[in-house]
C-alpha atoms as a PDB file:
ATOM      1  CA  UNK A   1       0.000   0.000   0.000  1.00  0.00           C
ATOM      2  CA  UNK A   2       2.899   2.351   0.787  1.00  0.00           C
ATOM      3  CA  UNK A   3       4.565   1.877  -2.586  1.00  0.00           C
ATOM      4  CA  UNK A   4       1.266   2.552  -4.386  1.00  0.00           C
ATOM      5  CA  UNK A   5       0.866   5.819  -2.466  1.00  0.00           C
ATOM      6  CA  UNK A   6       4.437   6.823  -3.279  1.00  0.00           C
ATOM      7  CA  UNK A   7       3.920   6.041  -6.973  1.00  0.00           C
ATOM      8  CA  UNK A   8       0.672   8.032  -7.116  1.00  0.00           C
ATOM      9  CA  UNK A   9       2.280  10.970  -5.310  1.00  0.00           C
ATOM     10  CA  UNK A  10       5.211  10.943  -7.749  1.00  0.00           C
ATOM     11  CA  UNK A  11       2.810  10.785 -10.708  1.00  0.00           C
ATOM     12  CA  UNK A  12       0.766  13.731  -9.368  1.00  0.00           C
ATOM     13  CA  UNK A  13       3.978  15.684  -8.776  1.00  0.00           C
ATOM     14  CA  UNK A  14       5.110  15.111 -12.389  1.00  0.00           C
ATOM     15  CA  UNK A  15       1.682  16.117 -13.716  1.00  0.00           C
ATOM     16  CA  UNK A  16       1.786  19.307 -11.643  1.00  0.00           C
ATOM     17  CA  UNK A  17       5.357  20.087 -12.718  1.00  0.00           C
ATOM     18  CA  UNK A  18       4.509  20.084 -16.443  1.00  0.00           C
ATOM     19  CA  UNK A  19       2.193  23.159 -16.376  1.00  0.00           C
ATOM     20  CA  UNK A  20       4.562  24.895 -13.952  1.00  0.00           C
ATOM     21  CA  UNK A  21       7.487  24.360 -16.325  1.00  0.00           C
ATOM     22  CA  UNK A  22       5.441  25.566 -19.302  1.00  0.00           C
ATOM     23  CA  UNK A  23       4.377  28.681 -17.391  1.00  0.00           C
ATOM     24  CA  UNK A  24       7.988  29.401 -16.445  1.00  0.00           C
ATOM     25  CA  UNK A  25       9.181  28.957 -20.048  1.00  0.00           C
ATOM     26  CA  UNK A  26       6.492  31.349 -21.265  1.00  0.00           C
ATOM     27  CA  UNK A  27       7.338  33.849 -18.546  1.00  0.00           C
ATOM     28  CA  UNK A  28      11.134  33.740 -18.896  1.00  0.00           C
ATOM     29  CA  UNK A  29      11.354  32.853 -22.568  1.00  0.00           C
ATOM     30  CA  UNK A  30      13.244  30.061 -24.228  1.00  0.00           C
ATOM     31  CA  UNK A  31      16.906  29.663 -23.482  1.00  0.00           C
ATOM     32  CA  UNK A  32      18.841  30.769 -26.502  1.00  0.00           C
ATOM     33  CA  UNK A  33      22.139  29.108 -27.116  1.00  0.00           C
ATOM     34  CA  UNK A  34      24.674  31.332 -28.823  1.00  0.00           C
ATOM     35  CA  UNK A  35      25.334  29.906 -32.237  1.00  0.00           C
ATOM     36  CA  UNK A  36      28.438  30.786 -34.203  1.00  0.00           C
ATOM     37  CA  UNK A  37      27.762  32.557 -37.440  1.00  0.00           C
ATOM     38  CA  UNK A  38      27.559  35.943 -39.118  1.00  0.00           C
ATOM     39  CA  UNK A  39      24.551  37.182 -37.104  1.00  0.00           C
ATOM     40  CA  UNK A  40      24.536  38.359 -33.491  1.00  0.00           C
ATOM     41  CA  UNK A  41      21.773  39.929 -31.425  1.00  0.00           C
ATOM     42  CA  UNK A  42      23.344  42.915 -29.687  1.00  0.00           C
ATOM     43  CA  UNK A  43      20.349  44.106 -27.723  1.00  0.00           C
ATOM     44  CA  UNK A  44      16.627  44.597 -27.616  1.00  0.00           C
ATOM     45  CA  UNK A  45      14.368  47.188 -26.059  1.00  0.00           C
ATOM     46  CA  UNK A  46      10.712  46.447 -25.326  1.00  0.00           C
ATOM     47  CA  UNK A  47       8.610  49.459 -26.229  1.00  0.00           C
ATOM     48  CA  UNK A  48       5.215  47.871 -25.711  1.00  0.00           C
ATOM     49  CA  UNK A  49       3.596  44.583 -24.743  1.00  0.00           C
ATOM     50  CA  UNK A  50       4.416  43.003 -28.116  1.00  0.00           C
ATOM     51  CA  UNK A  51       6.666  45.610 -29.699  1.00  0.00           C
ATOM     52  CA  UNK A  52      10.416  45.905 -29.485  1.00  0.00           C
ATOM     53  CA  UNK A  53      13.398  47.469 -31.184  1.00  0.00           C
ATOM     54  CA  UNK A  54      16.345  45.153 -31.740  1.00  0.00           C
ATOM     55  CA  UNK A  55      19.912  45.732 -32.796  1.00  0.00           C
ATOM     56  CA  UNK A  56      21.408  42.921 -34.893  1.00  0.00           C
ATOM     57  CA  UNK A  57      24.951  42.669 -36.254  1.00  0.00           C
ATOM     58  CA  UNK A  58      25.108  40.913 -39.615  1.00  0.00           C
ATOM     59  CA  UNK A  59      28.639  40.651 -41.011  1.00  0.00           C
ATOM     60  CA  UNK A  60      29.795  44.293 -41.272  1.00  0.00           C
ATOM     61  CA  UNK A  61      26.318  45.878 -41.003  1.00  0.00           C
ATOM     62  CA  UNK A  62      24.235  46.772 -37.995  1.00  0.00           C
ATOM     63  CA  UNK A  63      20.473  46.473 -38.483  1.00  0.00           C
ATOM     64  CA  UNK A  64      17.992  48.339 -36.307  1.00  0.00           C
ATOM     65  CA  UNK A  65      14.764  46.336 -36.511  1.00  0.00           C
ATOM     66  CA  UNK A  66      11.263  47.092 -35.284  1.00  0.00           C
ATOM     67  CA  UNK A  67       9.382  43.968 -34.248  1.00  0.00           C
ATOM     68  CA  UNK A  68       5.676  43.508 -33.630  1.00  0.00           C
ATOM     69  CA  UNK A  69       3.567  40.394 -33.277  1.00  0.00           C
ATOM     70  CA  UNK A  70       2.748  40.577 -36.995  1.00  0.00           C
ATOM     71  CA  UNK A  71       5.903  41.891 -38.666  1.00  0.00           C
ATOM     72  CA  UNK A  72       9.565  42.827 -38.559  1.00  0.00           C
ATOM     73  CA  UNK A  73      10.588  46.101 -40.211  1.00  0.00           C
ATOM     74  CA  UNK A  74      14.015  47.514 -40.988  1.00  0.00           C
ATOM     75  CA  UNK A  75      14.272  50.891 -39.257  1.00  0.00           C
ATOM     76  CA  UNK A  76      17.885  51.654 -40.163  1.00  0.00           C
ATOM     77  CA  UNK A  77      20.983  49.990 -41.564  1.00  0.00           C
ATOM     78  CA  UNK A  78      24.306  51.226 -40.253  1.00  0.00           C
ATOM     79  CA  UNK A  79      27.948  50.291 -40.616  1.00  0.00           C
ATOM     80  CA  UNK A  80      28.970  48.119 -37.673  1.00  0.00           C
ATOM     81  CA  UNK A  81      31.898  50.426 -36.961  1.00  0.00           C
ATOM     82  CA  UNK A  82      29.471  53.214 -35.969  1.00  0.00           C
ATOM     83  CA  UNK A  83      28.055  51.195 -33.087  1.00  0.00           C
ATOM     84  CA  UNK A  84      31.178  49.212 -32.241  1.00  0.00           C
ATOM     85  CA  UNK A  85      31.868  51.088 -28.988  1.00  0.00           C
ATOM     86  CA  UNK A  86      28.319  50.438 -27.787  1.00  0.00           C
ATOM     87  CA  UNK A  87      28.649  46.734 -28.552  1.00  0.00           C
ATOM     88  CA  UNK A  88      31.910  46.453 -26.648  1.00  0.00           C
ATOM     89  CA  UNK A  89      30.421  48.172 -23.585  1.00  0.00           C
ATOM     90  CA  UNK A  90      28.824  45.968 -20.970  1.00  0.00           C
ATOM     91  CA  UNK A  91      25.089  45.618 -21.723  1.00  0.00           C
ATOM     92  CA  UNK A  92      22.749  46.985 -19.115  1.00  0.00           C
ATOM     93  CA  UNK A  93      25.125  49.491 -17.593  1.00  0.00           C
ATOM     94  CA  UNK A  94      24.266  53.192 -17.636  1.00  0.00           C
ATOM     95  CA  UNK A  95      27.511  53.954 -19.490  1.00  0.00           C
ATOM     96  CA  UNK A  96      26.550  51.584 -22.291  1.00  0.00           C
ATOM     97  CA  UNK A  97      23.098  53.141 -22.602  1.00  0.00           C
ATOM     98  CA  UNK A  98      24.395  56.700 -22.555  1.00  0.00           C
ATOM     99  CA  UNK A  99      27.127  55.849 -25.070  1.00  0.00           C
ATOM    100  CA  UNK A 100      24.735  54.068 -27.410  1.00  0.00           C
ATOM    101  CA  UNK A 101      21.866  56.569 -27.499  1.00  0.00           C
ATOM    102  CA  UNK A 102      23.759  59.504 -29.073  1.00  0.00           C
ATOM    103  CA  UNK A 103      25.526  57.161 -31.484  1.00  0.00           C
ATOM    104  CA  UNK A 104      22.220  55.679 -32.648  1.00  0.00           C
ATOM    105  CA  UNK A 105      20.582  59.094 -33.022  1.00  0.00           C
ATOM    106  CA  UNK A 106      23.532  60.432 -35.023  1.00  0.00           C
ATOM    107  CA  UNK A 107      23.602  57.358 -37.241  1.00  0.00           C
ATOM    108  CA  UNK A 108      19.851  57.528 -37.850  1.00  0.00           C
ATOM    109  CA  UNK A 109      20.224  61.202 -38.755  1.00  0.00           C
ATOM    110  CA  UNK A 110      22.954  60.348 -41.258  1.00  0.00           C
ATOM    111  CA  UNK A 111      20.851  57.516 -42.688  1.00  0.00           C
ATOM    112  CA  UNK A 112      17.855  59.875 -43.067  1.00  0.00           C
ATOM    113  CA  UNK A 113      20.040  62.525 -44.730  1.00  0.00           C
ATOM    114  CA  UNK A 114      21.494  59.923 -47.084  1.00  0.00           C
ATOM    115  CA  UNK A 115      18.000  58.717 -48.018  1.00  0.00           C
ATOM    116  CA  UNK A 116      16.839  62.284 -48.732  1.00  0.00           C
ATOM    117  CA  UNK A 117      19.875  62.950 -50.909  1.00  0.00           C
ATOM    118  CA  UNK A 118      19.204  59.773 -52.898  1.00  0.00           C
ATOM    119  CA  UNK A 119      15.726  60.992 -53.874  1.00  0.00           C
END
């Protein structure tokens, strides 16, 4: 009788652990293993419940992407050298944020000026 109770308790525990693990994965997000290759996610900023701006390095270009639940849009494309100092700074520190913001604004201004000149 004791071994049956232990088996049932273990089974109930496993059944209860499955939804708890799924909830935690949804809450925290999937673990992303860093894969070698030409692309690297530098950072992301949530700007709404399902909207974010991400910075992705692809070879020698830096892409600023806007992501929503329905689409991904290219906001700007910059040379990687323009944001290199922000990438090398430690993410999450105030110095990294303050160093990156002016660099991004200046680069976006140059990209906008370049686009206007091309018209």
